[in-house]
C-alpha atoms as a PDB file:
ATOM      1  CA  MET A   1     -69.307  -1.428 -37.610  1.00  0.00           C
ATOM      2  CA  ALA A   2     -70.333   2.310 -37.547  1.00  0.00           C
ATOM      3  CA  GLN A   3     -66.819   3.353 -38.469  1.00  0.00           C
ATOM      4  CA  TYR A   4     -66.818   0.942 -41.404  1.00  0.00           C
ATOM      5  CA  ALA A   5     -70.187   2.442 -42.581  1.00  0.00           C
ATOM      6  CA  GLU A   6     -68.687   5.988 -42.430  1.00  0.00           C
ATOM      7  CA  ILE A   7     -65.531   4.885 -44.450  1.00  0.00           C
ATOM      8  CA  SER A   8     -67.732   3.160 -47.017  1.00  0.00           C
ATOM      9  CA  ALA A   9     -69.963   6.244 -47.291  1.00  0.00           C
ATOM     10  CA  ALA A  10     -67.018   8.542 -47.761  1.00  0.00           C
ATOM     11  CA  GLU A  11     -66.087   6.618 -51.006  1.00  0.00           C
ATOM     12  CA  LYS A  12     -69.474   7.128 -52.555  1.00  0.00           C
ATOM     13  CA  SER A  13     -70.523   9.728 -55.153  1.00  0.00           C
ATOM     14  CA  ASP A  14     -72.719  12.712 -54.287  1.00  0.00           C
ATOM     15  CA  PRO A  15     -75.862  11.136 -55.949  1.00  0.00           C
ATOM     16  CA  GLU A  16     -75.314   7.964 -53.929  1.00  0.00           C
ATOM     17  CA  LEU A  17     -74.869   9.860 -50.664  1.00  0.00           C
ATOM     18  CA  VAL A  18     -77.995  11.876 -51.307  1.00  0.00           C
ATOM     19  CA  ALA A  19     -80.000   8.792 -51.837  1.00  0.00           C
ATOM     20  CA  LEU A  20     -78.609   7.266 -48.668  1.00  0.00           C
ATOM     21  CA  ALA A  21     -79.361  10.489 -46.754  1.00  0.00           C
ATOM     22  CA  LEU A  22     -82.933  10.458 -48.072  1.00  0.00           C
ATOM     23  CA  ALA A  23     -83.130   7.003 -46.453  1.00  0.00           C
ATOM     24  CA  ARG A  24     -81.960   8.630 -43.159  1.00  0.00           C
ATOM     25  CA  ASP A  25     -78.538   6.884 -43.215  1.00  0.00           C
ATOM     26  CA  PRO A  26     -76.312   8.745 -40.560  1.00  0.00           C
ATOM     27  CA  ALA A  27     -73.199   7.793 -42.233  1.00  0.00           C
ATOM     28  CA  ALA A  28     -74.255   9.551 -45.371  1.00  0.00           C
ATOM     29  CA  PHE A  29     -75.063  12.774 -43.534  1.00  0.00           C
ATOM     30  CA  ARG A  30     -71.625  12.729 -41.895  1.00  0.00           C
ATOM     31  CA  ALA A  31     -69.814  11.966 -45.190  1.00  0.00           C
ATOM     32  CA  ILE A  32     -71.596  14.928 -46.915  1.00  0.00           C
ATOM     33  CA  MET A  33     -70.474  17.221 -44.146  1.00  0.00           C
ATOM     34  CA  ARG A  34     -66.968  15.954 -44.005  1.00  0.00           C
ATOM     35  CA  ARG A  35     -66.692  16.356 -47.817  1.00  0.00           C
ATOM     36  CA  TYR A  36     -67.883  19.954 -47.907  1.00  0.00           C
ATOM     37  CA  ASN A  37     -67.263  21.493 -44.495  1.00  0.00           C
ATOM     38  CA  ARG A  38     -64.075  23.138 -45.526  1.00  0.00           C
ATOM     39  CA  ARG A  39     -65.436  24.812 -48.704  1.00  0.00           C
ATOM     40  CA  LEU A  40     -68.804  25.779 -47.103  1.00  0.00           C
ATOM     41  CA  PHE A  41     -67.166  27.238 -44.035  1.00  0.00           C
ATOM     42  CA  ARG A  42     -64.928  29.368 -46.245  1.00  0.00           C
ATOM     43  CA  ILE A  43     -67.864  30.712 -48.254  1.00  0.00           C
ATOM     44  CA  ALA A  44     -69.939  31.554 -45.108  1.00  0.00           C
ATOM     45  CA  ARG A  45     -66.826  33.273 -43.518  1.00  0.00           C
ATOM     46  CA  GLY A  46     -66.129  35.212 -46.827  1.00  0.00           C
ATOM     47  CA  ILE A  47     -69.653  36.757 -46.385  1.00  0.00           C
ATOM     48  CA  LEU A  48     -69.843  37.185 -42.683  1.00  0.00           C
ATOM     49  CA  ARG A  49     -65.978  37.704 -42.057  1.00  0.00           C
ATOM     50  CA  ASP A  50     -66.205  36.137 -38.556  1.00  0.00           C
ATOM     51  CA  ASP A  51     -65.291  32.611 -37.665  1.00  0.00           C
ATOM     52  CA  ALA A  52     -68.086  32.047 -35.028  1.00  0.00           C
ATOM     53  CA  LEU A  53     -70.869  33.567 -37.172  1.00  0.00           C
ATOM     54  CA  ALA A  54     -69.781  31.643 -40.181  1.00  0.00           C
ATOM     55  CA  GLU A  55     -69.847  28.337 -38.142  1.00  0.00           C
ATOM     56  CA  ASP A  56     -73.323  29.095 -36.810  1.00  0.00           C
ATOM     57  CA  ALA A  57     -74.577  29.857 -40.296  1.00  0.00           C
ATOM     58  CA  LEU A  58     -73.104  26.722 -41.684  1.00  0.00           C
ATOM     59  CA  GLN A  59     -74.738  24.602 -38.966  1.00  0.00           C
ATOM     60  CA  ASP A  60     -78.172  26.136 -39.709  1.00  0.00           C
ATOM     61  CA  ALA A  61     -77.627  25.811 -43.450  1.00  0.00           C
ATOM     62  CA  TYR A  62     -76.851  22.164 -43.117  1.00  0.00           C
ATOM     63  CA  LEU A  63     -80.005  21.578 -41.071  1.00  0.00           C
ATOM     64  CA  LYS A  64     -82.193  23.336 -43.745  1.00  0.00           C
ATOM     65  CA  ALA A  65     -80.458  21.502 -46.553  1.00  0.00           C
ATOM     66  CA  PHE A  66     -80.862  18.071 -44.948  1.00  0.00           C
ATOM     67  CA  ARG A  67     -84.485  18.696 -43.956  1.00  0.00           C
ATOM     68  CA  HIS A  68     -85.356  19.696 -47.584  1.00  0.00           C
ATOM     69  CA  LEU A  69     -83.132  17.175 -49.272  1.00  0.00           C
ATOM     70  CA  GLY A  70     -86.095  15.938 -51.228  1.00  0.00           C
ATOM     71  CA  ASP A  71     -86.195  19.351 -52.995  1.00  0.00           C
ATOM     72  CA  PHE A  72     -82.919  18.660 -54.671  1.00  0.00           C
ATOM     73  CA  GLN A  73     -83.671  18.075 -58.301  1.00  0.00           C
ATOM     74  CA  GLY A  74     -80.308  17.389 -59.689  1.00  0.00           C
ATOM     75  CA  THR A  75     -80.415  20.265 -62.244  1.00  0.00           C
ATOM     76  CA  SER A  76     -77.092  21.573 -60.803  1.00  0.00           C
ATOM     77  CA  ALA A  77     -74.284  19.846 -58.958  1.00  0.00           C
ATOM     78  CA  PHE A  78     -75.172  18.874 -55.393  1.00  0.00           C
ATOM     79  CA  SER A  79     -72.164  20.905 -54.191  1.00  0.00           C
ATOM     80  CA  THR A  80     -73.606  23.959 -55.955  1.00  0.00           C
ATOM     81  CA  TRP A  81     -77.097  23.408 -54.316  1.00  0.00           C
ATOM     82  CA  LEU A  82     -75.452  23.140 -50.874  1.00  0.00           C
ATOM     83  CA  THR A  83     -73.255  26.251 -51.412  1.00  0.00           C
ATOM     84  CA  ARG A  84     -76.330  28.379 -52.437  1.00  0.00           C
ATOM     85  CA  ILE A  85     -78.084  27.345 -49.283  1.00  0.00           C
ATOM     86  CA  VAL A  86     -74.999  28.285 -47.202  1.00  0.00           C
ATOM     87  CA  MET A  87     -74.699  31.584 -49.092  1.00  0.00           C
ATOM     88  CA  ASN A  88     -78.386  32.493 -48.672  1.00  0.00           C
ATOM     89  CA  GLU A  89     -78.082  31.679 -44.955  1.00  0.00           C
ATOM     90  CA  ALA A  90     -75.030  33.835 -44.494  1.00  0.00           C
ATOM     91  CA  LEU A  91     -76.368  36.736 -46.556  1.00  0.00           C
ATOM     92  CA  GLY A  92     -79.670  36.643 -44.670  1.00  0.00           C
ATOM     93  CA  ARG A  93     -77.740  37.016 -41.347  1.00  0.00           C
ATOM     94  CA  LEU A  94     -75.657  39.749 -42.861  1.00  0.00           C
ATOM     95  CA  ARG A  95     -78.781  41.719 -43.858  1.00  0.00           C
ATOM     96  CA  LYS A  96     -80.400  41.142 -40.433  1.00  0.00           C
ATOM     97  CA  ALA A  97     -77.217  42.332 -38.701  1.00  0.00           C
ATOM     98  CA  SER A  98     -77.139  45.489 -40.768  1.00  0.00           C
ATOM     99  CA  ARG A  99     -80.597  46.355 -39.434  1.00  0.00           C
ATOM    100  CA  THR A 100     -79.607  45.599 -35.833  1.00  0.00           C
ATOM    101  CA  PRO A 101     -77.893  48.183 -33.550  1.00  0.00           C
ATOM    102  CA  GLU A 102     -74.193  47.456 -33.100  1.00  0.00           C
ATOM    103  CA  VAL A 103     -73.212  45.511 -30.000  1.00  0.00           C
ATOM    104  CA  SER A 104     -69.866  46.065 -28.222  1.00  0.00           C
ATOM    105  CA  VAL A 105     -67.380  43.283 -29.105  1.00  0.00           C
ATOM    106  CA  ASP A 106     -64.155  42.383 -27.417  1.00  0.00           C
ATOM    107  CA  THR A 107     -61.868  43.377 -30.267  1.00  0.00           C
ATOM    108  CA  ALA A 108     -58.748  42.321 -28.420  1.00  0.00           C
ATOM    109  CA  GLN A 109     -60.193  38.834 -28.203  1.00  0.00           C
ATOM    110  CA  MET A 110     -61.127  38.812 -31.863  1.00  0.00           C
ATOM    111  CA  GLN A 111     -57.656  40.071 -32.899  1.00  0.00           C
ATOM    112  CA  SER A 112     -56.022  37.342 -30.928  1.00  0.00           C
ATOM    113  CA  ARG A 113     -57.328  34.610 -33.117  1.00  0.00           C
ATOM    114  CA  ILE A 114     -54.442  33.289 -35.149  1.00  0.00           C
ATOM    115  CA  LEU A 115     -55.010  30.362 -37.373  1.00  0.00           C
ATOM    116  CA  ASP A 116     -52.666  27.324 -37.336  1.00  0.00           C
ATOM    117  CA  PHE A 117     -50.717  26.901 -40.622  1.00  0.00           C
ATOM    118  CA  PRO A 118     -51.106  23.329 -41.678  1.00  0.00           C
ATOM    119  CA  THR A 119     -47.918  21.570 -42.844  1.00  0.00           C
ATOM    120  CA  GLY A 120     -46.931  18.086 -43.679  1.00  0.00           C
ATOM    121  CA  SER A 121     -44.332  17.910 -40.764  1.00  0.00           C
ATOM    122  CA  PRO A 122     -43.878  19.811 -37.510  1.00  0.00           C
ATOM    123  CA  ILE A 123     -41.822  23.056 -37.743  1.00  0.00           C
ATOM    124  CA  ASP A 124     -39.391  23.566 -34.893  1.00  0.00           C
ATOM    125  CA  ASN A 125     -38.287  27.131 -35.847  1.00  0.00           C
ATOM    126  CA  PRO A 126     -40.629  29.516 -33.962  1.00  0.00           C
ATOM    127  CA  GLU A 127     -39.641  32.426 -36.151  1.00  0.00           C
ATOM    128  CA  ILE A 128     -40.831  30.571 -39.341  1.00  0.00           C
ATOM    129  CA  THR A 129     -43.965  29.404 -37.665  1.00  0.00           C
ATOM    130  CA  MET A 130     -44.832  32.951 -36.466  1.00  0.00           C
ATOM    131  CA  ALA A 131     -44.070  34.311 -40.000  1.00  0.00           C
ATOM    132  CA  GLN A 132     -46.337  31.789 -41.581  1.00  0.00           C
ATOM    133  CA  ARG A 133     -49.147  32.671 -39.127  1.00  0.00           C
ATOM    134  CA  GLN A 134     -48.659  36.392 -39.835  1.00  0.00           C
ATOM    135  CA  ILE A 135     -48.878  35.717 -43.584  1.00  0.00           C
ATOM    136  CA  LEU A 136     -52.095  33.828 -43.172  1.00  0.00           C
ATOM    137  CA  LYS A 137     -53.546  36.544 -40.992  1.00  0.00           C
ATOM    138  CA  LEU A 138     -52.554  39.061 -43.750  1.00  0.00           C
ATOM    139  CA  VAL A 139     -54.324  36.871 -46.363  1.00  0.00           C
ATOM    140  CA  GLU A 140     -57.489  36.854 -44.265  1.00  0.00           C
ATOM    141  CA  GLU A 141     -57.491  40.542 -43.637  1.00  0.00           C
ATOM    142  CA  ALA A 142     -56.818  41.449 -47.239  1.00  0.00           C
ATOM    143  CA  THR A 143     -59.579  39.144 -48.399  1.00  0.00           C
ATOM    144  CA  ASP A 144     -62.045  40.457 -45.736  1.00  0.00           C
ATOM    145  CA  ASN A 145     -61.437  43.974 -46.916  1.00  0.00           C
ATOM    146  CA  LEU A 146     -62.530  43.196 -50.498  1.00  0.00           C
ATOM    147  CA  PRO A 147     -66.038  44.478 -51.528  1.00  0.00           C
ATOM    148  CA  GLU A 148     -68.439  41.587 -51.263  1.00  0.00           C
ATOM    149  CA  GLU A 149     -69.011  41.151 -55.027  1.00  0.00           C
ATOM    150  CA  PHE A 150     -65.218  40.761 -55.561  1.00  0.00           C
ATOM    151  CA  ARG A 151     -64.633  38.810 -52.299  1.00  0.00           C
ATOM    152  CA  LEU A 152     -66.924  36.004 -53.233  1.00  0.00           C
ATOM    153  CA  VAL A 153     -65.526  35.536 -56.664  1.00  0.00           C
ATOM    154  CA  PHE A 154     -61.884  35.664 -55.125  1.00  0.00           C
ATOM    155  CA  ILE A 155     -62.800  33.031 -52.562  1.00  0.00           C
ATOM    156  CA  ALA A 156     -64.404  30.753 -55.079  1.00  0.00           C
ATOM    157  CA  ARG A 157     -61.793  31.121 -57.789  1.00  0.00           C
ATOM    158  CA  VAL A 158     -58.500  31.390 -55.859  1.00  0.00           C
ATOM    159  CA  ILE A 159     -59.072  29.846 -52.436  1.00  0.00           C
ATOM    160  CA  GLU A 160     -61.493  27.172 -53.401  1.00  0.00           C
ATOM    161  CA  GLU A 161     -59.912  26.759 -56.928  1.00  0.00           C
ATOM    162  CA  MET A 162     -63.422  26.502 -58.578  1.00  0.00           C
ATOM    163  CA  SER A 163     -63.483  27.013 -62.313  1.00  0.00           C
ATOM    164  CA  VAL A 164     -64.794  30.163 -64.021  1.00  0.00           C
ATOM    165  CA  GLU A 165     -67.864  28.105 -65.094  1.00  0.00           C
ATOM    166  CA  GLU A 166     -68.530  26.705 -61.564  1.00  0.00           C
ATOM    167  CA  THR A 167     -68.131  30.122 -60.030  1.00  0.00           C
ATOM    168  CA  ALA A 168     -70.446  31.790 -62.602  1.00  0.00           C
ATOM    169  CA  GLU A 169     -73.087  29.110 -61.889  1.00  0.00           C
ATOM    170  CA  LEU A 170     -72.701  29.442 -58.110  1.00  0.00           C
ATOM    171  CA  LEU A 171     -73.084  33.229 -58.105  1.00  0.00           C
ATOM    172  CA  SER A 172     -75.421  33.538 -61.097  1.00  0.00           C
ATOM    173  CA  LEU A 173     -72.995  35.503 -63.034  1.00  0.00           C
ATOM    174  CA  LYS A 174     -71.691  35.509 -66.621  1.00  0.00           C
ATOM    175  CA  PRO A 175     -68.228  33.994 -67.031  1.00  0.00           C
ATOM    176  CA  GLU A 176     -66.877  37.256 -68.308  1.00  0.00           C
ATOM    177  CA  THR A 177     -68.184  38.981 -65.114  1.00  0.00           C
ATOM    178  CA  VAL A 178     -66.392  36.345 -63.023  1.00  0.00           C
ATOM    179  CA  ARG A 179     -63.166  37.026 -64.927  1.00  0.00           C
ATOM    180  CA  SER A 180     -63.471  40.834 -64.614  1.00  0.00           C
ATOM    181  CA  ARG A 181     -64.339  40.683 -60.934  1.00  0.00           C
ATOM    182  CA  LEU A 182     -61.332  38.365 -60.188  1.00  0.00           C
ATOM    183  CA  HIS A 183     -59.096  40.812 -62.002  1.00  0.00           C
ATOM    184  CA  ARG A 184     -60.428  43.640 -60.089  1.00  0.00           C
ATOM    185  CA  ALA A 185     -60.065  41.668 -56.772  1.00  0.00           C
ATOM    186  CA  ARG A 186     -56.400  40.960 -57.501  1.00  0.00           C
ATOM    187  CA  ALA A 187     -55.828  44.646 -58.358  1.00  0.00           C
ATOM    188  CA  LEU A 188     -57.237  45.687 -54.962  1.00  0.00           C
ATOM    189  CA  LEU A 189     -54.824  43.563 -53.061  1.00  0.00           C
ATOM    190  CA  ARG A 190     -51.356  44.728 -52.490  1.00  0.00           C
ATOM    191  CA  ARG A 191     -48.823  43.492 -55.075  1.00  0.00           C
ATOM    192  CA  GLU A 192     -46.601  41.607 -52.716  1.00  0.00           C
ATOM    193  CA  LEU A 193     -49.620  39.777 -51.284  1.00  0.00           C
ATOM    194  CA  ASP A 194     -50.782  38.811 -54.670  1.00  0.00           C
ATOM    195  CA  GLN A 195     -47.412  37.370 -55.364  1.00  0.00           C
ATOM    196  CA  MET A 196     -47.695  34.935 -52.362  1.00  0.00           C
ATOM    197  CA  ILE A 197     -51.375  34.187 -52.731  1.00  0.00           C
ATOM    198  CA  GLY A 198     -50.980  31.018 -54.780  1.00  0.00           C
ATOM    199  CA  PRO A 199     -49.094  28.817 -52.328  1.00  0.00           C
ATOM    200  CA  ILE A 200     -50.807  30.357 -49.249  1.00  0.00           C
ATOM    201  CA  ALA A 201     -54.543  30.845 -50.094  1.00  0.00           C
ATOM    202  CA  MET A 202     -55.334  27.163 -49.921  1.00  0.00           C
ATOM    203  CA  ASP A 203     -54.552  27.110 -46.186  1.00  0.00           C
ATOM    204  CA  ALA A 204     -56.455  30.206 -45.272  1.00  0.00           C
ATOM    205  CA  PHE A 205     -59.591  29.867 -43.164  1.00  0.00           C
ATOM    206  CA  PRO A 206     -59.022  26.180 -42.223  1.00  0.00           C
ATOM    207  CA  PHE A 207     -62.008  24.226 -40.972  1.00  0.00           C
ATOM    208  CA  ALA A 208     -60.875  20.777 -40.068  1.00  0.00           C
ATOM    209  CA  GLY A 209     -59.962  18.623 -37.057  1.00  0.00           C
ATOM    210  CA  TRP A 210     -61.979  18.977 -33.963  1.00  0.00           C
ATOM    211  CA  LYS A 211     -64.024  21.968 -35.197  1.00  0.00           C
ATOM    212  CA  CYS A 212     -65.086  20.056 -38.233  1.00  0.00           C
ATOM    213  CA  ASP A 213     -66.032  17.090 -36.005  1.00  0.00           C
ATOM    214  CA  GLN A 214     -67.858  19.205 -33.500  1.00  0.00           C
ATOM    215  CA  LEU A 215     -70.034  20.937 -36.090  1.00  0.00           C
ATOM    216  CA  THR A 216     -70.811  17.570 -37.693  1.00  0.00           C
ATOM    217  CA  GLU A 217     -71.957  16.008 -34.434  1.00  0.00           C
ATOM    218  CA  ARG A 218     -74.125  19.108 -33.569  1.00  0.00           C
ATOM    219  CA  VAL A 219     -75.887  18.847 -36.853  1.00  0.00           C
ATOM    220  CA  MET A 220     -76.292  15.031 -36.423  1.00  0.00           C
ATOM    221  CA  GLY A 221     -77.686  15.625 -32.934  1.00  0.00           C
ATOM    222  CA  GLU A 222     -80.384  17.965 -34.298  1.00  0.00           C
ATOM    223  CA  LEU A 223     -81.245  15.672 -37.163  1.00  0.00           C
ATOM    224  CA  MET A 224     -81.532  12.609 -34.991  1.00  0.00           C
ATOM    225  CA  GLY A 225     -83.443  14.410 -32.230  1.00  0.00           C
ATOM    226  CA  ARG A 226     -80.856  13.980 -29.545  1.00  0.00           C
END
């Protein structure tokens, strides 16, 4: 029965899910997170440039959003409202970290993180698999190295495929500023990487499967007092 409720909720529009979430329907909360986990994780990671930090920021942002869901006035898209909360949470953590003395990090462990390359069918050729992983790693590193004002525009426009107007609204910029920053971001990336960015970027910074489920259940546990 619970599974049927989640499937039903997943088919509803954002305004319908918001109404159900305000009524404390667990299936609505889960549906919202599953719908936006991937985009919001990428936004948080684009700011923090670290998987674990981005996941923590996303979890706290969800809790803030859900606890203040009644404040959503509908003057912008619900996805934009959620994204701004995630951005504010991630930027707040970034500012706090800049005021905190650096802590030693196991760089070898950080560098060993290689993202899986999602495909429609298994790949048996280990050389192709390794090449794909290396390309994704290169996409992430090149994106991480962009200045923040260009990086956020690049993630929104190229990786998330948001329109110029959506990006401008999200980042409180003029459309022409979005266009110029995207042009600058592309110019800062190596030419060969820019040539392959179209087919590859959509699979960068994945946030699905067990990680998506794990975060969803942690947020649900906080909301429901478990």
